[in-house]
Amino acid sequence: MQSLKESGDLNGRRVLLRGDLDVPVVNGKVGEDYRLKALLPTLKYLLQKKAAVLILGHAGRPKGRKDVSLSLRPVVHWFSQELKEELSFLEDFPTGESSRPALAVLENLRFWPGEEGNDPDFAKKLAGLGDLFINDAFANSHRNHASMVLLPKLLPSYAGFQLEREVKELGSVLENPARPLVFILGGAKTETKVPLVAEFAKISDQVLIGGLLMFDRDLEGTPKVVFPVDAADAYDIGPQTIGLFTKIIKDAKTIVWNGPVGKWEDNRYELGTRAIAEELALLDGSKVIVGGGDTIAALSAFGLLGKMGYVSLGGGAMLEFLSAKSLPGIRAIQKP
């Protein structure tokens, strides 16, 4: 994987920057913006090097190009305010080089079926807009989509700064981590997490289970997996489990957390997730990695996000990287 700093002279070069632009929009304005902020170091570096940058990304799961609620126009406004510089917004592919702005955002890639369809012709169309490609979208790097796995094969390709950091931080969990190593898995998306529990049990000392996973009986008997011993109305782990989990966390040297352990959005069932968050915030000398949109939303609501050791931008991508040690989007930018 080549770093952006190995890309040579960027003056005047047309750079396609794949970012993670899938952020919540409320009343036409960007809400939680940590993903956009994470793209700024790479973007500012490119601008300092006088590159012409076209930012690529997606939002949500649109149903065709008429789904205006998922347009990237609010993201363009956010970048314009943050950079104090006007960004152009391309609702469609530019028809000629003269129409290609020096700094712009292309509309939601998923408005074109070729993106999720991993269409080679769509990838070629994107490649025609640039001279080189930068992947700084770790959270989407587990997707076999055109901009992630086909486009990098058509242009000189490099890793952005955030992607590099994700690989370094998550890689440290796989390469001789300080032990005990504890995984905490919760959330509502059980279909993606159930198959990974046994994988994480192989590399960790204990896996603490919460959220909807605690009702999955197929996981019972899996070595090193710790189930709740009580629950609060089936929407949260109970007080005995909070005591058990926090004791394990206190003794851990490396902790990876993905997914709230209860329905934290309802303050009647936030106690378990809050207790784990507060315990992690107090740890001194232990490596803490958290990830997943719901986990980050909870930590942000509790005012504890800034007290976590490392916040991964990936949810599913984070878990898949830790189980497979790489991702399709990362492999696509590696040297043959």
Foldseek 3Di string as FASTA:
>chain_A
DAAPVPPPQQAAFEEEEEFELAADADPLAGDDCPRVVLCVVQVVVNVVSNHQYEYEYAYDQDDAPVPCNGWCVNVQVVVCVVVVHHAAEAADQDPDPVPRGSHYYYIHPNNDVQFLVLNLVVLVSVLVRGQEYEYAYLQCQQGSTNNQFPNNLSHQYHYYPNVVVLLVQLVCLVPPHDDQEEEEEAADPVVLCVVLPLLVVVSHQAYEYAYPVLVDPVCPPRPRYDHAPAADVNFAGDPVSLVVVLVVVQPGQEYEYAHARGPCVPVVHVVSRVSVLVSQLPDDNHAFEYEDPVNCVSCVVVVRNVSHRYYRDHHSSSSCCNRVVDHSSRVSNDDD
